[in-house]
Amino acid sequence: MVPFVAFSGSRSLGSVGGPLFSVVQSVLSSGRGVAVGDAVGVDSSVLSSVLTLGFYSACRVFCLGGVDAAGIPFGFWRGSCVDTVMRAYASGIQCVWQAGGGLQASRGSALFGRSRAMIRFASQTGPGSGLVAFVAGGFESSPGSWGTVAHALAIGLPVVVFPVGCPASCLVMVFRCCGQVIRGSWVQASSSGAWSGGYRFVPAVG
């Protein structure tokens, strides 16, 4: 299996379409796959980018809901990009249905479970895998997105964060979400190109 890069981020980000598209294109062009959730905002934009680029076999969508025998979606919530997910499904993109635990799970538990399932999947695909997050504001604005970043860091998955509408100093917010001490620093991912707006986490040595 090729390495997969998981994408996560806020449901309301404003205009990040160009930079986000370029990063998705960079990942796919490098021979890696894209894993993404089913929410509006970043998830929807990432999935739309994959559909535009035509890399259908190199994508996995982790969904709260599912489809019945007639192909009718069920179990999604108001924050899901159901139309985009169904377009992806119709295009042959692999969807992981009820990734958050199914209908018996509470909404909060299902959202958390879906993100953990996506991160776990990416981490199991080996070298070259990682997480890219486009996050708006601090912890209070995007607790779920920062929580996903923290979980990825806690299991040792390489992480790049694009802070949107907030200074790079907001990256320290991630440590509020993690139940263990994570030592390291954030450095600019690249001086130019698609990754120049991102910050890569570098674990401390020793």
N, C-alpha and C. Protein backbone atom coordinates (compact mmCIF):
# COMPACT_ATOMS: atom_id res chain seq x y z
N MET A 1 0.84 -1.20 0.00
CA MET A 1 0.00 0.00 0.00
C MET A 1 0.88 1.26 0.00
N VAL A 2 0.46 2.26 -0.74
CA VAL A 2 1.19 3.53 -0.75
C VAL A 2 0.97 4.25 0.58
N PRO A 3 1.89 5.12 0.99
CA PRO A 3 1.66 5.91 2.20
C PRO A 3 0.52 6.89 1.99
N PHE A 4 -0.26 7.11 3.02
CA PHE A 4 -1.38 8.04 2.96
C PHE A 4 -1.14 9.23 3.88
N VAL A 5 -1.53 10.39 3.41
CA VAL A 5 -1.51 11.61 4.21
C VAL A 5 -2.94 11.95 4.57
N ALA A 6 -3.23 12.04 5.86
CA ALA A 6 -4.55 12.42 6.32
C ALA A 6 -4.68 13.93 6.30
N PHE A 7 -5.87 14.41 5.97
CA PHE A 7 -6.16 15.84 5.99
C PHE A 7 -7.27 16.11 6.99
N SER A 8 -7.11 17.21 7.72
CA SER A 8 -8.10 17.60 8.72
C SER A 8 -8.14 19.11 8.79
N GLY A 9 -9.16 19.63 9.46
CA GLY A 9 -9.22 21.08 9.63
C GLY A 9 -10.60 21.59 9.98
N SER A 10 -10.68 22.88 10.06
CA SER A 10 -11.89 23.55 10.54
C SER A 10 -13.01 23.50 9.50
N ARG A 11 -14.24 23.59 9.99
CA ARG A 11 -15.40 23.55 9.10
C ARG A 11 -15.68 24.90 8.47
N SER A 12 -15.10 25.96 9.01
CA SER A 12 -15.29 27.29 8.44
C SER A 12 -13.93 27.99 8.38
N LEU A 13 -13.42 28.18 7.17
CA LEU A 13 -12.07 28.69 7.03
C LEU A 13 -11.95 29.93 6.16
N GLY A 14 -12.99 30.30 5.43
CA GLY A 14 -12.84 31.40 4.49
C GLY A 14 -12.17 30.92 3.22
N SER A 15 -11.34 31.74 2.63
CA SER A 15 -10.75 31.43 1.33
C SER A 15 -9.36 30.80 1.48
N VAL A 16 -9.32 29.46 1.43
CA VAL A 16 -8.04 28.75 1.42
C VAL A 16 -8.00 27.76 0.26
N GLY A 17 -8.94 27.92 -0.67
CA GLY A 17 -9.07 26.96 -1.77
C GLY A 17 -7.80 26.76 -2.56
N GLY A 18 -7.14 27.86 -2.96
CA GLY A 18 -5.93 27.76 -3.77
C GLY A 18 -4.80 27.04 -3.07
N PRO A 19 -4.39 27.50 -1.88
CA PRO A 19 -3.31 26.82 -1.15
C PRO A 19 -3.64 25.37 -0.81
N LEU A 20 -4.87 25.10 -0.41
CA LEU A 20 -5.25 23.74 -0.04
C LEU A 20 -5.19 22.82 -1.27
N PHE A 21 -5.72 23.29 -2.38
CA PHE A 21 -5.68 22.52 -3.62
C PHE A 21 -4.24 22.18 -3.99
N SER A 22 -3.35 23.16 -3.87
CA SER A 22 -1.94 22.95 -4.23
C SER A 22 -1.28 21.90 -3.35
N VAL A 23 -1.62 21.89 -2.06
CA VAL A 23 -1.05 20.90 -1.15
C VAL A 23 -1.59 19.50 -1.48
N VAL A 24 -2.88 19.39 -1.73
CA VAL A 24 -3.46 18.10 -2.11
C VAL A 24 -2.80 17.59 -3.39
N GLN A 25 -2.64 18.48 -4.36
CA GLN A 25 -2.00 18.12 -5.62
C GLN A 25 -0.55 17.66 -5.39
N SER A 26 0.16 18.35 -4.51
CA SER A 26 1.54 17.99 -4.19
C SER A 26 1.62 16.59 -3.60
N VAL A 27 0.72 16.27 -2.68
CA VAL A 27 0.70 14.95 -2.04
C VAL A 27 0.43 13.86 -3.08
N LEU A 28 -0.61 14.05 -3.87
CA LEU A 28 -0.99 13.04 -4.86
C LEU A 28 0.08 12.87 -5.94
N SER A 29 0.68 13.98 -6.34
CA SER A 29 1.71 13.92 -7.39
C SER A 29 2.97 13.21 -6.91
N SER A 30 3.15 13.15 -5.59
CA SER A 30 4.32 12.47 -5.03
C SER A 30 4.12 10.96 -4.91
N GLY A 31 2.94 10.49 -5.32
CA GLY A 31 2.66 9.06 -5.26
C GLY A 31 2.01 8.60 -3.98
N ARG A 32 1.64 9.53 -3.13
CA ARG A 32 0.98 9.18 -1.88
C ARG A 32 -0.54 9.32 -2.02
N GLY A 33 -1.26 8.72 -1.09
CA GLY A 33 -2.70 8.81 -1.09
C GLY A 33 -3.20 9.87 -0.12
N VAL A 34 -4.50 10.16 -0.19
CA VAL A 34 -5.14 11.15 0.66
C VAL A 34 -6.26 10.48 1.46
N ALA A 35 -6.24 10.67 2.77
CA ALA A 35 -7.32 10.23 3.65
C ALA A 35 -8.00 11.46 4.23
N VAL A 36 -9.32 11.46 4.27
CA VAL A 36 -10.05 12.66 4.69
C VAL A 36 -11.38 12.27 5.32
N GLY A 37 -11.92 13.18 6.12
CA GLY A 37 -13.22 12.96 6.74
C GLY A 37 -14.35 13.41 5.84
N ASP A 38 -15.54 13.58 6.44
CA ASP A 38 -16.73 13.88 5.63
C ASP A 38 -17.42 15.18 6.05
N ALA A 39 -16.69 16.09 6.68
CA ALA A 39 -17.30 17.34 7.16
C ALA A 39 -17.25 18.43 6.09
N VAL A 40 -18.08 19.43 6.27
CA VAL A 40 -17.99 20.62 5.42
C VAL A 40 -16.69 21.35 5.77
N GLY A 41 -16.29 22.29 4.95
CA GLY A 41 -15.05 23.02 5.22
C GLY A 41 -13.87 22.34 4.58
N VAL A 42 -12.83 22.09 5.37
CA VAL A 42 -11.59 21.51 4.84
C VAL A 42 -11.82 20.14 4.21
N ASP A 43 -12.55 19.25 4.90
CA ASP A 43 -12.78 17.91 4.35
C ASP A 43 -13.41 17.99 2.97
N SER A 44 -14.46 18.79 2.85
CA SER A 44 -15.17 18.93 1.58
C SER A 44 -14.25 19.48 0.49
N SER A 45 -13.43 20.47 0.85
CA SER A 45 -12.51 21.07 -0.13
C SER A 45 -11.45 20.07 -0.59
N VAL A 46 -10.92 19.30 0.35
CA VAL A 46 -9.93 18.28 0.00
C VAL A 46 -10.54 17.24 -0.93
N LEU A 47 -11.72 16.78 -0.59
CA LEU A 47 -12.38 15.76 -1.40
C LEU A 47 -12.71 16.29 -2.80
N SER A 48 -13.16 17.54 -2.87
CA SER A 48 -13.43 18.16 -4.17
C SER A 48 -12.15 18.27 -4.99
N SER A 49 -11.04 18.56 -4.32
CA SER A 49 -9.75 18.65 -5.02
C SER A 49 -9.36 17.30 -5.62
N VAL A 50 -9.55 16.22 -4.84
CA VAL A 50 -9.25 14.88 -5.34
C VAL A 50 -10.10 14.55 -6.55
N LEU A 51 -11.38 14.90 -6.48
CA LEU A 51 -12.29 14.64 -7.60
C LEU A 51 -11.85 15.42 -8.84
N THR A 52 -11.44 16.67 -8.64
CA THR A 52 -10.99 17.49 -9.77
C THR A 52 -9.72 16.92 -10.39
N LEU A 53 -8.81 16.44 -9.55
CA LEU A 53 -7.53 15.92 -10.03
C LEU A 53 -7.63 14.51 -10.60
N GLY A 54 -8.70 13.80 -10.23
CA GLY A 54 -8.95 12.49 -10.80
C GLY A 54 -8.20 11.32 -10.18
N PHE A 55 -7.66 11.51 -8.97
CA PHE A 55 -6.92 10.43 -8.30
C PHE A 55 -7.88 9.60 -7.43
N TYR A 56 -8.86 8.97 -8.05
CA TYR A 56 -9.91 8.30 -7.30
C TYR A 56 -9.40 7.13 -6.46
N SER A 57 -8.47 6.35 -7.00
CA SER A 57 -8.01 5.16 -6.30
C SER A 57 -7.05 5.49 -5.16
N ALA A 58 -6.60 6.75 -5.09
CA ALA A 58 -5.63 7.16 -4.07
C ALA A 58 -6.30 7.95 -2.96
N CYS A 59 -7.56 7.64 -2.68
CA CYS A 59 -8.30 8.40 -1.65
C CYS A 59 -9.13 7.46 -0.80
N ARG A 60 -9.21 7.76 0.49
CA ARG A 60 -10.10 7.09 1.42
C ARG A 60 -10.88 8.16 2.17
N VAL A 61 -12.20 7.98 2.25
CA VAL A 61 -13.06 8.94 2.95
C VAL A 61 -13.62 8.26 4.19
N PHE A 62 -13.38 8.85 5.34
CA PHE A 62 -13.86 8.30 6.61
C PHE A 62 -15.15 9.04 6.99
N CYS A 63 -16.24 8.29 7.04
CA CYS A 63 -17.58 8.89 7.16
C CYS A 63 -18.27 8.52 8.47
N LEU A 64 -19.07 9.46 8.97
CA LEU A 64 -19.91 9.16 10.13
C LEU A 64 -21.04 8.23 9.74
N GLY A 65 -21.63 8.48 8.58
CA GLY A 65 -22.78 7.71 8.13
C GLY A 65 -22.42 6.59 7.19
N GLY A 66 -23.44 6.10 6.48
CA GLY A 66 -23.24 5.02 5.53
C GLY A 66 -24.26 5.11 4.41
N VAL A 67 -24.35 4.06 3.62
CA VAL A 67 -25.38 3.98 2.58
C VAL A 67 -26.10 2.65 2.74
N ASP A 68 -27.42 2.66 2.47
CA ASP A 68 -28.19 1.42 2.59
C ASP A 68 -28.10 0.63 1.29
N ALA A 69 -28.84 -0.47 1.23
CA ALA A 69 -28.79 -1.35 0.07
C ALA A 69 -29.21 -0.65 -1.22
N ALA A 70 -30.01 0.40 -1.08
CA ALA A 70 -30.47 1.13 -2.25
C ALA A 70 -29.54 2.29 -2.60
N GLY A 71 -28.45 2.42 -1.84
CA GLY A 71 -27.52 3.50 -2.10
C GLY A 71 -27.93 4.83 -1.51
N ILE A 72 -28.86 4.81 -0.55
CA ILE A 72 -29.34 6.03 0.10
C ILE A 72 -28.50 6.30 1.35
N PRO A 73 -27.97 7.52 1.49
CA PRO A 73 -27.14 7.81 2.66
C PRO A 73 -27.96 7.88 3.95
N PHE A 74 -27.36 7.46 5.05
CA PHE A 74 -28.01 7.55 6.36
C PHE A 74 -26.94 7.77 7.42
N GLY A 75 -27.35 8.29 8.57
CA GLY A 75 -26.46 8.41 9.71
C GLY A 75 -25.47 9.56 9.66
N PHE A 76 -25.60 10.44 8.67
CA PHE A 76 -24.73 11.62 8.62
C PHE A 76 -25.33 12.71 9.52
N TRP A 77 -24.63 13.82 9.67
CA TRP A 77 -25.15 14.92 10.48
C TRP A 77 -25.11 16.20 9.68
N ARG A 78 -25.62 17.27 10.27
CA ARG A 78 -25.75 18.53 9.53
C ARG A 78 -24.40 19.10 9.10
N GLY A 79 -23.32 18.71 9.76
CA GLY A 79 -22.01 19.19 9.39
C GLY A 79 -21.30 18.32 8.36
N SER A 80 -21.99 17.31 7.83
CA SER A 80 -21.38 16.43 6.83
C SER A 80 -21.59 16.98 5.42
N CYS A 81 -20.59 16.77 4.56
CA CYS A 81 -20.71 17.19 3.16
C CYS A 81 -21.24 15.99 2.36
N VAL A 82 -22.50 15.65 2.61
CA VAL A 82 -23.08 14.42 2.06
C VAL A 82 -23.03 14.39 0.54
N ASP A 83 -23.38 15.51 -0.12
CA ASP A 83 -23.39 15.54 -1.58
C ASP A 83 -22.00 15.24 -2.15
N THR A 84 -20.97 15.82 -1.55
CA THR A 84 -19.61 15.60 -2.03
C THR A 84 -19.18 14.16 -1.79
N VAL A 85 -19.54 13.61 -0.62
CA VAL A 85 -19.23 12.21 -0.32
C VAL A 85 -19.89 11.29 -1.33
N MET A 86 -21.15 11.55 -1.66
CA MET A 86 -21.85 10.68 -2.60
C MET A 86 -21.29 10.80 -4.01
N ARG A 87 -20.80 11.96 -4.39
CA ARG A 87 -20.12 12.11 -5.68
C ARG A 87 -18.83 11.29 -5.69
N ALA A 88 -18.12 11.33 -4.57
CA ALA A 88 -16.89 10.56 -4.46
C ALA A 88 -17.19 9.06 -4.54
N TYR A 89 -18.21 8.63 -3.83
CA TYR A 89 -18.61 7.22 -3.83
C TYR A 89 -19.00 6.76 -5.23
N ALA A 90 -19.75 7.60 -5.93
CA ALA A 90 -20.16 7.27 -7.30
C ALA A 90 -18.98 7.22 -8.26
N SER A 91 -17.90 7.94 -7.90
CA SER A 91 -16.70 7.96 -8.75
C SER A 91 -15.75 6.80 -8.47
N GLY A 92 -16.10 5.99 -7.48
CA GLY A 92 -15.28 4.83 -7.16
C GLY A 92 -14.30 5.04 -6.03
N ILE A 93 -14.35 6.21 -5.38
CA ILE A 93 -13.48 6.45 -4.23
C ILE A 93 -13.94 5.59 -3.06
N GLN A 94 -13.00 4.96 -2.38
CA GLN A 94 -13.35 4.07 -1.28
C GLN A 94 -13.78 4.87 -0.06
N CYS A 95 -14.97 4.55 0.44
CA CYS A 95 -15.51 5.21 1.63
C CYS A 95 -15.53 4.22 2.79
N VAL A 96 -15.07 4.66 3.93
CA VAL A 96 -15.10 3.85 5.15
C VAL A 96 -16.35 4.28 5.91
N TRP A 97 -17.41 3.51 5.78
CA TRP A 97 -18.69 3.90 6.36
C TRP A 97 -18.71 3.71 7.87
N GLN A 98 -19.44 4.60 8.54
CA GLN A 98 -19.63 4.56 9.99
C GLN A 98 -18.30 4.38 10.73
N ALA A 99 -17.32 5.16 10.30
CA ALA A 99 -15.97 5.07 10.87
C ALA A 99 -15.91 5.54 12.31
N GLY A 100 -16.94 6.26 12.75
CA GLY A 100 -16.94 6.77 14.12
C GLY A 100 -17.59 5.85 15.13
N GLY A 101 -18.03 4.67 14.68
CA GLY A 101 -18.61 3.72 15.62
C GLY A 101 -20.06 3.37 15.35
N GLY A 102 -20.67 3.98 14.35
CA GLY A 102 -22.04 3.63 14.00
C GLY A 102 -23.08 4.46 14.71
N LEU A 103 -24.32 4.11 14.49
CA LEU A 103 -25.45 4.90 14.99
C LEU A 103 -25.56 4.89 16.50
N GLN A 104 -24.99 3.87 17.14
CA GLN A 104 -25.11 3.78 18.60
C GLN A 104 -24.19 4.77 19.32
N ALA A 105 -23.22 5.32 18.63
CA ALA A 105 -22.28 6.25 19.25
C ALA A 105 -22.87 7.65 19.34
N SER A 106 -22.54 8.38 20.40
CA SER A 106 -22.98 9.77 20.51
C SER A 106 -22.28 10.59 19.44
N ARG A 107 -22.82 11.77 19.14
CA ARG A 107 -22.23 12.60 18.09
C ARG A 107 -20.78 12.95 18.38
N GLY A 108 -20.51 13.39 19.60
CA GLY A 108 -19.15 13.74 19.96
C GLY A 108 -18.21 12.55 19.87
N SER A 109 -18.66 11.41 20.37
CA SER A 109 -17.85 10.20 20.32
C SER A 109 -17.61 9.75 18.89
N ALA A 110 -18.64 9.88 18.04
CA ALA A 110 -18.51 9.47 16.64
C ALA A 110 -17.52 10.35 15.89
N LEU A 111 -17.56 11.67 16.13
CA LEU A 111 -16.63 12.57 15.47
C LEU A 111 -15.19 12.27 15.90
N PHE A 112 -15.01 12.05 17.19
CA PHE A 112 -13.69 11.72 17.72
C PHE A 112 -13.21 10.39 17.16
N GLY A 113 -14.10 9.41 17.14
CA GLY A 113 -13.75 8.09 16.65
C GLY A 113 -13.40 8.08 15.17
N ARG A 114 -14.13 8.88 14.40
CA ARG A 114 -13.84 8.96 12.97
C ARG A 114 -12.44 9.52 12.73
N SER A 115 -12.09 10.59 13.46
CA SER A 115 -10.77 11.19 13.30
C SER A 115 -9.67 10.23 13.73
N ARG A 116 -9.88 9.54 14.82
CA ARG A 116 -8.88 8.56 15.30
C ARG A 116 -8.70 7.43 14.29
N ALA A 117 -9.81 6.98 13.69
CA ALA A 117 -9.73 5.90 12.70
C ALA A 117 -8.92 6.35 11.49
N MET A 118 -9.13 7.59 11.06
CA MET A 118 -8.39 8.12 9.92
C MET A 118 -6.90 8.23 10.23
N ILE A 119 -6.56 8.75 11.41
CA ILE A 119 -5.16 8.90 11.81
C ILE A 119 -4.50 7.53 11.96
N ARG A 120 -5.22 6.59 12.54
CA ARG A 120 -4.68 5.24 12.71
C ARG A 120 -4.40 4.60 11.35
N PHE A 121 -5.33 4.77 10.41
CA PHE A 121 -5.13 4.23 9.07
C PHE A 121 -3.88 4.82 8.43
N ALA A 122 -3.75 6.15 8.46
CA ALA A 122 -2.59 6.80 7.85
C ALA A 122 -1.29 6.31 8.48
N SER A 123 -1.27 6.20 9.79
CA SER A 123 -0.05 5.80 10.50
C SER A 123 0.39 4.40 10.15
N GLN A 124 -0.55 3.56 9.73
CA GLN A 124 -0.23 2.17 9.41
C GLN A 124 0.26 1.99 7.98
N THR A 125 0.29 3.08 7.20
CA THR A 125 0.72 2.95 5.80
C THR A 125 2.21 3.22 5.63
N GLY A 126 2.91 3.48 6.72
CA GLY A 126 4.37 3.50 6.68
C GLY A 126 5.01 4.83 6.37
N PRO A 127 6.32 4.83 6.07
CA PRO A 127 7.08 6.06 5.80
C PRO A 127 6.45 6.86 4.68
N GLY A 128 6.40 8.17 4.87
CA GLY A 128 5.76 9.06 3.90
C GLY A 128 4.36 9.45 4.30
N SER A 129 3.81 8.77 5.31
CA SER A 129 2.48 9.12 5.80
C SER A 129 2.56 10.34 6.70
N GLY A 130 1.42 10.90 7.04
CA GLY A 130 1.42 12.07 7.91
C GLY A 130 0.04 12.67 8.03
N LEU A 131 -0.02 13.83 8.66
CA LEU A 131 -1.25 14.61 8.79
C LEU A 131 -0.99 16.03 8.35
N VAL A 132 -1.90 16.56 7.54
CA VAL A 132 -1.89 17.97 7.18
C VAL A 132 -3.19 18.58 7.70
N ALA A 133 -3.07 19.67 8.45
CA ALA A 133 -4.26 20.31 9.03
C ALA A 133 -4.29 21.79 8.69
N PHE A 134 -5.43 22.24 8.21
CA PHE A 134 -5.69 23.66 8.00
C PHE A 134 -6.65 24.08 9.12
N VAL A 135 -6.13 24.84 10.08
CA VAL A 135 -6.90 25.13 11.30
C VAL A 135 -7.08 26.63 11.50
N ALA A 136 -8.32 27.03 11.76
CA ALA A 136 -8.63 28.44 12.00
C ALA A 136 -8.69 28.70 13.50
N GLY A 137 -7.91 29.68 13.96
CA GLY A 137 -8.00 30.13 15.34
C GLY A 137 -7.40 29.15 16.34
N GLY A 138 -7.54 29.50 17.60
CA GLY A 138 -7.00 28.71 18.68
C GLY A 138 -7.90 27.56 19.08
N PHE A 139 -7.62 27.00 20.24
CA PHE A 139 -8.34 25.82 20.71
C PHE A 139 -9.84 26.06 20.84
N GLU A 140 -10.21 27.24 21.32
CA GLU A 140 -11.62 27.53 21.53
C GLU A 140 -12.39 27.55 20.22
N SER A 141 -11.72 27.96 19.13
CA SER A 141 -12.38 28.05 17.82
C SER A 141 -12.47 26.70 17.13
N SER A 142 -11.45 25.87 17.29
CA SER A 142 -11.40 24.59 16.56
C SER A 142 -10.88 23.46 17.46
N PRO A 143 -11.61 23.14 18.53
CA PRO A 143 -11.11 22.11 19.45
C PRO A 143 -10.94 20.74 18.80
N GLY A 144 -11.86 20.38 17.89
CA GLY A 144 -11.77 19.08 17.25
C GLY A 144 -10.54 18.96 16.37
N SER A 145 -10.27 20.03 15.60
CA SER A 145 -9.11 20.01 14.69
C SER A 145 -7.81 19.95 15.48
N TRP A 146 -7.72 20.76 16.54
CA TRP A 146 -6.50 20.73 17.36
C TRP A 146 -6.36 19.38 18.06
N GLY A 147 -7.49 18.79 18.44
CA GLY A 147 -7.44 17.47 19.06
C GLY A 147 -6.91 16.41 18.12
N THR A 148 -7.28 16.51 16.84
CA THR A 148 -6.77 15.57 15.83
C THR A 148 -5.27 15.73 15.66
N VAL A 149 -4.81 16.99 15.63
CA VAL A 149 -3.38 17.25 15.53
C VAL A 149 -2.65 16.65 16.73
N ALA A 150 -3.19 16.87 17.91
CA ALA A 150 -2.56 16.36 19.13
C ALA A 150 -2.48 14.84 19.12
N HIS A 151 -3.55 14.20 18.67
CA HIS A 151 -3.55 12.73 18.63
C HIS A 151 -2.48 12.22 17.66
N ALA A 152 -2.37 12.88 16.49
CA ALA A 152 -1.35 12.48 15.51
C ALA A 152 0.06 12.63 16.09
N LEU A 153 0.30 13.74 16.79
CA LEU A 153 1.60 13.95 17.41
C LEU A 153 1.87 12.90 18.48
N ALA A 154 0.84 12.56 19.24
CA ALA A 154 1.02 11.62 20.35
C ALA A 154 1.43 10.23 19.87
N ILE A 155 1.01 9.86 18.65
CA ILE A 155 1.38 8.52 18.16
C ILE A 155 2.58 8.58 17.22
N GLY A 156 3.19 9.78 17.09
CA GLY A 156 4.41 9.91 16.31
C GLY A 156 4.22 10.12 14.82
N LEU A 157 3.03 10.49 14.39
CA LEU A 157 2.78 10.72 12.96
C LEU A 157 3.31 12.11 12.58
N PRO A 158 4.07 12.23 11.50
CA PRO A 158 4.53 13.56 11.07
C PRO A 158 3.35 14.49 10.80
N VAL A 159 3.47 15.75 11.23
CA VAL A 159 2.36 16.70 11.15
C VAL A 159 2.83 18.02 10.55
N VAL A 160 2.01 18.56 9.63
CA VAL A 160 2.18 19.92 9.13
C VAL A 160 0.87 20.65 9.34
N VAL A 161 0.93 21.82 9.98
CA VAL A 161 -0.27 22.63 10.24
C VAL A 161 -0.17 23.93 9.47
N PHE A 162 -1.27 24.29 8.81
CA PHE A 162 -1.42 25.59 8.18
C PHE A 162 -2.37 26.42 9.05
N PRO A 163 -1.85 27.34 9.86
CA PRO A 163 -2.73 28.19 10.66
C PRO A 163 -3.43 29.21 9.77
N VAL A 164 -4.74 29.31 9.88
CA VAL A 164 -5.52 30.20 9.02
C VAL A 164 -6.18 31.28 9.86
N GLY A 165 -5.88 32.53 9.54
CA GLY A 165 -6.49 33.63 10.27
C GLY A 165 -5.99 33.77 11.68
N CYS A 166 -4.82 33.21 11.97
CA CYS A 166 -4.23 33.33 13.30
C CYS A 166 -2.72 33.25 13.14
N PRO A 167 -1.97 33.83 14.07
CA PRO A 167 -0.51 33.79 13.97
C PRO A 167 0.03 32.39 14.22
N ALA A 168 1.26 32.16 13.79
CA ALA A 168 1.89 30.86 14.00
C ALA A 168 2.00 30.52 15.48
N SER A 169 1.97 31.55 16.33
CA SER A 169 2.07 31.31 17.78
C SER A 169 0.90 30.47 18.30
N CYS A 170 -0.20 30.41 17.55
CA CYS A 170 -1.35 29.63 18.00
C CYS A 170 -1.05 28.13 17.96
N LEU A 171 0.05 27.74 17.34
CA LEU A 171 0.39 26.33 17.27
C LEU A 171 0.65 25.72 18.64
N VAL A 172 0.98 26.56 19.62
CA VAL A 172 1.19 26.01 20.97
C VAL A 172 -0.11 25.48 21.55
N MET A 173 -1.26 25.86 20.94
CA MET A 173 -2.55 25.42 21.44
C MET A 173 -2.68 23.90 21.41
N VAL A 174 -1.97 23.26 20.50
CA VAL A 174 -2.11 21.83 20.35
C VAL A 174 -1.76 21.10 21.63
N PHE A 175 -0.85 21.64 22.42
CA PHE A 175 -0.41 20.94 23.62
C PHE A 175 -1.47 20.94 24.72
N ARG A 176 -2.49 21.79 24.59
CA ARG A 176 -3.60 21.77 25.54
C ARG A 176 -4.50 20.56 25.32
N CYS A 177 -4.43 19.99 24.13
CA CYS A 177 -5.35 18.91 23.77
C CYS A 177 -4.79 17.54 24.06
N CYS A 178 -3.54 17.48 24.42
CA CYS A 178 -2.88 16.19 24.53
C CYS A 178 -2.68 15.79 25.98
N GLY A 179 -2.96 14.52 26.28
CA GLY A 179 -2.85 14.06 27.65
C GLY A 179 -1.44 13.68 28.06
N GLN A 180 -0.48 13.83 27.15
CA GLN A 180 0.90 13.51 27.51
C GLN A 180 1.82 14.63 27.03
N VAL A 181 3.02 14.65 27.57
CA VAL A 181 3.98 15.68 27.22
C VAL A 181 4.58 15.38 25.86
N ILE A 182 4.52 16.35 24.95
CA ILE A 182 5.12 16.21 23.63
C ILE A 182 6.16 17.32 23.50
N ARG A 183 7.40 16.96 23.36
CA ARG A 183 8.47 17.96 23.28
C ARG A 183 8.93 18.13 21.84
N GLY A 184 9.06 19.37 21.44
CA GLY A 184 9.50 19.66 20.09
C GLY A 184 9.21 21.10 19.72
N SER A 185 9.32 21.41 18.45
CA SER A 185 9.11 22.78 17.99
C SER A 185 8.50 22.76 16.60
N TRP A 186 7.96 23.91 16.21
CA TRP A 186 7.36 24.07 14.89
C TRP A 186 8.30 24.89 14.01
N VAL A 187 8.56 24.40 12.81
CA VAL A 187 9.40 25.13 11.86
C VAL A 187 8.64 25.25 10.54
N GLN A 188 8.95 26.28 9.77
CA GLN A 188 8.29 26.48 8.50
C GLN A 188 8.55 25.27 7.60
N ALA A 189 7.48 24.76 6.99
CA ALA A 189 7.60 23.53 6.20
C ALA A 189 8.42 23.73 4.94
N SER A 190 8.35 24.92 4.36
CA SER A 190 9.11 25.21 3.14
C SER A 190 9.20 26.72 2.98
N SER A 191 10.24 27.18 2.33
CA SER A 191 10.42 28.62 2.12
C SER A 191 9.63 29.13 0.92
N SER A 192 9.16 28.23 0.09
CA SER A 192 8.40 28.64 -1.10
C SER A 192 7.50 27.50 -1.55
N GLY A 193 6.58 27.81 -2.44
CA GLY A 193 5.72 26.79 -3.01
C GLY A 193 4.51 26.46 -2.17
N ALA A 194 3.90 25.33 -2.48
CA ALA A 194 2.63 24.95 -1.86
C ALA A 194 2.69 24.82 -0.35
N TRP A 195 3.86 24.44 0.18
CA TRP A 195 3.98 24.16 1.61
C TRP A 195 4.50 25.34 2.42
N SER A 196 4.69 26.48 1.79
CA SER A 196 5.34 27.62 2.48
C SER A 196 4.48 28.19 3.61
N GLY A 197 3.19 27.99 3.55
CA GLY A 197 2.33 28.52 4.63
C GLY A 197 2.17 27.56 5.79
N GLY A 198 2.79 26.41 5.70
CA GLY A 198 2.64 25.40 6.74
C GLY A 198 3.81 25.35 7.70
N TYR A 199 3.57 24.73 8.85
CA TYR A 199 4.58 24.56 9.88
C TYR A 199 4.67 23.09 10.26
N ARG A 200 5.87 22.55 10.20
CA ARG A 200 6.13 21.15 10.46
C ARG A 200 6.61 20.97 11.91
N PHE A 201 6.07 19.95 12.56
CA PHE A 201 6.49 19.67 13.93
C PHE A 201 7.77 18.85 13.92
N VAL A 202 8.76 19.31 14.67
CA VAL A 202 10.04 18.60 14.79
C VAL A 202 10.18 18.13 16.24
N PRO A 203 10.12 16.83 16.48
CA PRO A 203 10.25 16.33 17.87
C PRO A 203 11.61 16.66 18.45
N ALA A 204 11.64 16.90 19.75
CA ALA A 204 12.91 17.15 20.43
C ALA A 204 13.75 15.88 20.45
N VAL A 205 15.03 16.04 20.40
CA VAL A 205 15.96 14.91 20.44
C VAL A 205 16.39 14.64 21.87
N GLY A 206 16.31 13.40 22.30
CA GLY A 206 16.76 13.06 23.63
C GLY A 206 15.70 13.25 24.70
